[in-house]
Amino acid sequence: PDARIVETLGESGLAASPLIAAGGLKLFMLAGYVQAEDGRLSSAPGSLSGVIGAAPQF
């Protein structure tokens, strides 16, 4: 399922990689600058989607 989510986000133009999964919730890191109101997030799989925080990953 993680690969399917990454692929779906990629089709929307978002470069994603899995970060952590717990209790049925999966968090993904998105490369680049993504704002909470970014329209590409509306096509993300699942009933919960959005941006919960941002930090550079080096």
PDB file of N, CA and C in Angstrom:
ATOM      1  N   PRO A   1       0.797  -1.227   0.000  1.00  0.00           N
ATOM      2  CA  PRO A   1       0.000   0.000   0.000  1.00  0.00           C
ATOM      3  C   PRO A   1       0.832   1.281   0.000  1.00  0.00           C
ATOM      4  N   ASP A   2       1.999   1.305   0.676  1.00  0.00           N
ATOM      5  CA  ASP A   2       2.814   2.519   0.666  1.00  0.00           C
ATOM      6  C   ASP A   2       3.237   2.878  -0.750  1.00  0.00           C
ATOM      7  N   ALA A   3       3.605   1.875  -1.532  1.00  0.00           N
ATOM      8  CA  ALA A   3       4.033   2.131  -2.909  1.00  0.00           C
ATOM      9  C   ALA A   3       2.894   2.714  -3.731  1.00  0.00           C
ATOM     10  N   ARG A   4       1.675   2.251  -3.502  1.00  0.00           N
ATOM     11  CA  ARG A   4       0.519   2.776  -4.233  1.00  0.00           C
ATOM     12  C   ARG A   4       0.271   4.238  -3.862  1.00  0.00           C
ATOM     13  N   ILE A   5       0.431   4.564  -2.590  1.00  0.00           N
ATOM     14  CA  ILE A   5       0.234   5.946  -2.143  1.00  0.00           C
ATOM     15  C   ILE A   5       1.311   6.842  -2.739  1.00  0.00           C
ATOM     16  N   VAL A   6       2.565   6.398  -2.694  1.00  0.00           N
ATOM     17  CA  VAL A   6       3.667   7.175  -3.275  1.00  0.00           C
ATOM     18  C   VAL A   6       3.428   7.388  -4.763  1.00  0.00           C
ATOM     19  N   GLU A   7       2.979   6.340  -5.452  1.00  0.00           N
ATOM     20  CA  GLU A   7       2.699   6.449  -6.890  1.00  0.00           C
ATOM     21  C   GLU A   7       1.567   7.442  -7.159  1.00  0.00           C
ATOM     22  N   THR A   8       0.499   7.372  -6.380  1.00  0.00           N
ATOM     23  CA  THR A   8      -0.634   8.279  -6.566  1.00  0.00           C
ATOM     24  C   THR A   8      -0.227   9.724  -6.309  1.00  0.00           C
ATOM     25  N   LEU A   9       0.545   9.956  -5.262  1.00  0.00           N
ATOM     26  CA  LEU A   9       1.024  11.311  -4.988  1.00  0.00           C
ATOM     27  C   LEU A   9       1.954  11.785  -6.103  1.00  0.00           C
ATOM     28  N   GLY A  10       2.784  10.883  -6.621  1.00  0.00           N
ATOM     29  CA  GLY A  10       3.682  11.219  -7.724  1.00  0.00           C
ATOM     30  C   GLY A  10       2.931  11.625  -8.975  1.00  0.00           C
ATOM     31  N   GLU A  11       1.804  10.964  -9.239  1.00  0.00           N
ATOM     32  CA  GLU A  11       0.984  11.324 -10.399  1.00  0.00           C
ATOM     33  C   GLU A  11       0.409  12.730 -10.264  1.00  0.00           C
ATOM     34  N   SER A  12       0.309  13.219  -9.023  1.00  0.00           N
ATOM     35  CA  SER A  12      -0.171  14.583  -8.782  1.00  0.00           C
ATOM     36  C   SER A  12       0.967  15.590  -8.768  1.00  0.00           C
ATOM     37  N   GLY A  13       2.198  15.116  -8.941  1.00  0.00           N
ATOM     38  CA  GLY A  13       3.340  16.018  -8.960  1.00  0.00           C
ATOM     39  C   GLY A  13       4.019  16.181  -7.616  1.00  0.00           C
ATOM     40  N   LEU A  14       3.721  15.295  -6.659  1.00  0.00           N
ATOM     41  CA  LEU A  14       4.343  15.367  -5.342  1.00  0.00           C
ATOM     42  C   LEU A  14       5.333  14.222  -5.181  1.00  0.00           C
ATOM     43  N   ALA A  15       6.559  14.539  -4.774  1.00  0.00           N
ATOM     44  CA  ALA A  15       7.567  13.513  -4.504  1.00  0.00           C
ATOM     45  C   ALA A  15       7.451  13.121  -3.041  1.00  0.00           C
ATOM     46  N   ALA A  16       6.973  11.910  -2.780  1.00  0.00           N
ATOM     47  CA  ALA A  16       6.704  11.465  -1.415  1.00  0.00           C
ATOM     48  C   ALA A  16       7.525  10.244  -1.060  1.00  0.00           C
ATOM     49  N   SER A  17       7.801  10.107   0.230  1.00  0.00           N
ATOM     50  CA  SER A  17       8.407   8.883   0.751  1.00  0.00           C
ATOM     51  C   SER A  17       7.801   8.615   2.123  1.00  0.00           C
ATOM     52  N   PRO A  18       7.580   7.338   2.473  1.00  0.00           N
ATOM     53  CA  PRO A  18       6.975   7.006   3.765  1.00  0.00           C
ATOM     54  C   PRO A  18       7.850   7.479   4.925  1.00  0.00           C
ATOM     55  N   LEU A  19       7.227   7.995   5.967  1.00  0.00           N
ATOM     56  CA  LEU A  19       7.954   8.443   7.155  1.00  0.00           C
ATOM     57  C   LEU A  19       7.686   7.507   8.328  1.00  0.00           C
ATOM     58  N   ILE A  20       6.395   7.318   8.678  1.00  0.00           N
ATOM     59  CA  ILE A  20       6.027   6.466   9.807  1.00  0.00           C
ATOM     60  C   ILE A  20       4.572   6.044   9.657  1.00  0.00           C
ATOM     61  N   ALA A  21       4.235   4.908  10.242  1.00  0.00           N
ATOM     62  CA  ALA A  21       2.854   4.427  10.261  1.00  0.00           C
ATOM     63  C   ALA A  21       2.544   3.917  11.660  1.00  0.00           C
ATOM     64  N   ALA A  22       1.382   4.306  12.190  1.00  0.00           N
ATOM     65  CA  ALA A  22       0.962   3.856  13.520  1.00  0.00           C
ATOM     66  C   ALA A  22      -0.545   3.987  13.635  1.00  0.00           C
ATOM     67  N   GLY A  23      -1.184   2.982  14.170  1.00  0.00           N
ATOM     68  CA  GLY A  23      -2.621   3.043  14.419  1.00  0.00           C
ATOM     69  C   GLY A  23      -3.456   3.296  13.182  1.00  0.00           C
ATOM     70  N   GLY A  24      -3.006   2.837  12.034  1.00  0.00           N
ATOM     71  CA  GLY A  24      -3.759   3.034  10.800  1.00  0.00           C
ATOM     72  C   GLY A  24      -3.493   4.365  10.112  1.00  0.00           C
ATOM     73  N   LEU A  25      -2.697   5.232  10.729  1.00  0.00           N
ATOM     74  CA  LEU A  25      -2.350   6.527  10.143  1.00  0.00           C
ATOM     75  C   LEU A  25      -0.959   6.426   9.540  1.00  0.00           C
ATOM     76  N   LYS A  26      -0.807   6.894   8.307  1.00  0.00           N
ATOM     77  CA  LYS A  26       0.485   6.869   7.632  1.00  0.00           C
ATOM     78  C   LYS A  26       0.905   8.299   7.323  1.00  0.00           C
ATOM     79  N   LEU A  27       2.147   8.613   7.658  1.00  0.00           N
ATOM     80  CA  LEU A  27       2.694   9.934   7.363  1.00  0.00           C
ATOM     81  C   LEU A  27       3.772   9.792   6.301  1.00  0.00           C
ATOM     82  N   PHE A  28       3.775  10.744   5.372  1.00  0.00           N
ATOM     83  CA  PHE A  28       4.736  10.745   4.277  1.00  0.00           C
ATOM     84  C   PHE A  28       5.462  12.075   4.254  1.00  0.00           C
ATOM     85  N   MET A  29       6.750  12.035   3.910  1.00  0.00           N
ATOM     86  CA  MET A  29       7.509  13.261   3.679  1.00  0.00           C
ATOM     87  C   MET A  29       7.281  13.678   2.236  1.00  0.00           C
ATOM     88  N   LEU A  30       7.043  14.956   2.035  1.00  0.00           N
ATOM     89  CA  LEU A  30       6.869  15.500   0.689  1.00  0.00           C
ATOM     90  C   LEU A  30       8.042  16.417   0.392  1.00  0.00           C
ATOM     91  N   ALA A  31       8.731  16.158  -0.705  1.00  0.00           N
ATOM     92  CA  ALA A  31       9.873  16.979  -1.092  1.00  0.00           C
ATOM     93  C   ALA A  31       9.389  18.298  -1.672  1.00  0.00           C
ATOM     94  N   GLY A  32      10.110  19.361  -1.365  1.00  0.00           N
ATOM     95  CA  GLY A  32       9.755  20.670  -1.897  1.00  0.00           C
ATOM     96  C   GLY A  32       8.878  21.454  -0.943  1.00  0.00           C
ATOM     97  N   TYR A  33       8.327  22.528  -1.452  1.00  0.00           N
ATOM     98  CA  TYR A  33       7.495  23.417  -0.647  1.00  0.00           C
ATOM     99  C   TYR A  33       6.032  23.138  -0.957  1.00  0.00           C
ATOM    100  N   VAL A  34       5.285  22.661   0.038  1.00  0.00           N
ATOM    101  CA  VAL A  34       3.871  22.326  -0.141  1.00  0.00           C
ATOM    102  C   VAL A  34       3.081  23.038   0.942  1.00  0.00           C
ATOM    103  N   GLN A  35       2.111  23.846   0.546  1.00  0.00           N
ATOM    104  CA  GLN A  35       1.253  24.538   1.501  1.00  0.00           C
ATOM    105  C   GLN A  35       0.005  23.714   1.773  1.00  0.00           C
ATOM    106  N   ALA A  36      -0.618  23.953   2.921  1.00  0.00           N
ATOM    107  CA  ALA A  36      -1.806  23.194   3.328  1.00  0.00           C
ATOM    108  C   ALA A  36      -2.922  23.276   2.297  1.00  0.00           C
ATOM    109  N   GLU A  37      -3.045  24.401   1.596  1.00  0.00           N
ATOM    110  CA  GLU A  37      -4.133  24.564   0.622  1.00  0.00           C
ATOM    111  C   GLU A  37      -3.735  24.152  -0.799  1.00  0.00           C
ATOM    112  N   ASP A  38      -2.608  23.465  -0.930  1.00  0.00           N
ATOM    113  CA  ASP A  38      -2.146  22.989  -2.235  1.00  0.00           C
ATOM    114  C   ASP A  38      -3.182  22.031  -2.826  1.00  0.00           C
ATOM    115  N   GLY A  39      -3.673  22.323  -4.003  1.00  0.00           N
ATOM    116  CA  GLY A  39      -4.711  21.531  -4.649  1.00  0.00           C
ATOM    117  C   GLY A  39      -4.309  20.099  -4.939  1.00  0.00           C
ATOM    118  N   ARG A  40      -3.009  19.849  -5.050  1.00  0.00           N
ATOM    119  CA  ARG A  40      -2.549  18.483  -5.323  1.00  0.00           C
ATOM    120  C   ARG A  40      -2.861  17.538  -4.168  1.00  0.00           C
ATOM    121  N   LEU A  41      -3.031  18.064  -2.970  1.00  0.00           N
ATOM    122  CA  LEU A  41      -3.334  17.217  -1.815  1.00  0.00           C
ATOM    123  C   LEU A  41      -4.760  16.680  -1.854  1.00  0.00           C
ATOM    124  N   SER A  42      -5.643  17.342  -2.588  1.00  0.00           N
ATOM    125  CA  SER A  42      -7.037  16.886  -2.639  1.00  0.00           C
ATOM    126  C   SER A  42      -7.167  15.534  -3.325  1.00  0.00           C
ATOM    127  N   SER A  43      -6.190  15.165  -4.141  1.00  0.00           N
ATOM    128  CA  SER A  43      -6.248  13.866  -4.807  1.00  0.00           C
ATOM    129  C   SER A  43      -5.487  12.787  -4.038  1.00  0.00           C
ATOM    130  N   ALA A  44      -4.982  13.136  -2.864  1.00  0.00           N
ATOM    131  CA  ALA A  44      -4.261  12.148  -2.058  1.00  0.00           C
ATOM    132  C   ALA A  44      -5.208  11.054  -1.589  1.00  0.00           C
ATOM    133  N   PRO A  45      -4.746   9.810  -1.569  1.00  0.00           N
ATOM    134  CA  PRO A  45      -5.611   8.714  -1.124  1.00  0.00           C
ATOM    135  C   PRO A  45      -5.925   8.816   0.366  1.00  0.00           C
ATOM    136  N   GLY A  46      -7.051   8.271   0.754  1.00  0.00           N
ATOM    137  CA  GLY A  46      -7.447   8.253   2.161  1.00  0.00           C
ATOM    138  C   GLY A  46      -8.407   9.372   2.498  1.00  0.00           C
ATOM    139  N   SER A  47      -8.973   9.298   3.684  1.00  0.00           N
ATOM    140  CA  SER A  47      -9.945  10.313   4.089  1.00  0.00           C
ATOM    141  C   SER A  47      -9.289  11.477   4.811  1.00  0.00           C
ATOM    142  N   LEU A  48      -8.074  11.308   5.278  1.00  0.00           N
ATOM    143  CA  LEU A  48      -7.343  12.390   5.930  1.00  0.00           C
ATOM    144  C   LEU A  48      -6.158  12.761   5.060  1.00  0.00           C
ATOM    145  N   SER A  49      -6.043  14.011   4.714  1.00  0.00           N
ATOM    146  CA  SER A  49      -4.875  14.465   3.967  1.00  0.00           C
ATOM    147  C   SER A  49      -4.628  15.916   4.309  1.00  0.00           C
ATOM    148  N   GLY A  50      -3.405  16.334   4.194  1.00  0.00           N
ATOM    149  CA  GLY A  50      -3.055  17.710   4.485  1.00  0.00           C
ATOM    150  C   GLY A  50      -1.611  17.795   4.932  1.00  0.00           C
ATOM    151  N   VAL A  51      -1.211  18.992   5.319  1.00  0.00           N
ATOM    152  CA  VAL A  51       0.144  19.247   5.778  1.00  0.00           C
ATOM    153  C   VAL A  51       0.074  19.509   7.273  1.00  0.00           C
ATOM    154  N   ILE A  52       0.868  18.789   8.054  1.00  0.00           N
ATOM    155  CA  ILE A  52       0.827  18.987   9.504  1.00  0.00           C
ATOM    156  C   ILE A  52       2.062  19.695  10.032  1.00  0.00           C
ATOM    157  N   GLY A  53       3.052  19.894   9.226  1.00  0.00           N
ATOM    158  CA  GLY A  53       4.252  20.585   9.665  1.00  0.00           C
ATOM    159  C   GLY A  53       5.294  20.554   8.573  1.00  0.00           C
ATOM    160  N   ALA A  54       6.329  21.337   8.768  1.00  0.00           N
ATOM    161  CA  ALA A  54       7.367  21.377   7.745  1.00  0.00           C
ATOM    162  C   ALA A  54       8.722  21.574   8.407  1.00  0.00           C
ATOM    163  N   ALA A  55       9.704  20.879   7.896  1.00  0.00           N
ATOM    164  CA  ALA A  55      11.075  21.047   8.351  1.00  0.00           C
ATOM    165  C   ALA A  55      11.999  20.554   7.251  1.00  0.00           C
ATOM    166  N   PRO A  56      13.106  21.245   7.036  1.00  0.00           N
ATOM    167  CA  PRO A  56      14.054  20.762   6.034  1.00  0.00           C
ATOM    168  C   PRO A  56      14.615  19.406   6.440  1.00  0.00           C
ATOM    169  N   GLN A  57      14.800  18.540   5.494  1.00  0.00           N
ATOM    170  CA  GLN A  57      15.379  17.221   5.729  1.00  0.00           C
ATOM    171  C   GLN A  57      16.678  17.157   4.949  1.00  0.00           C
ATOM    172  N   PHE A  58      17.806  17.152   5.641  1.00  0.00           N
ATOM    173  CA  PHE A  58      19.114  17.135   4.985  1.00  0.00           C
ATOM    174  C   PHE A  58      19.767  15.792   5.142  1.00  0.00           C
TER     175      PHE A  58
END
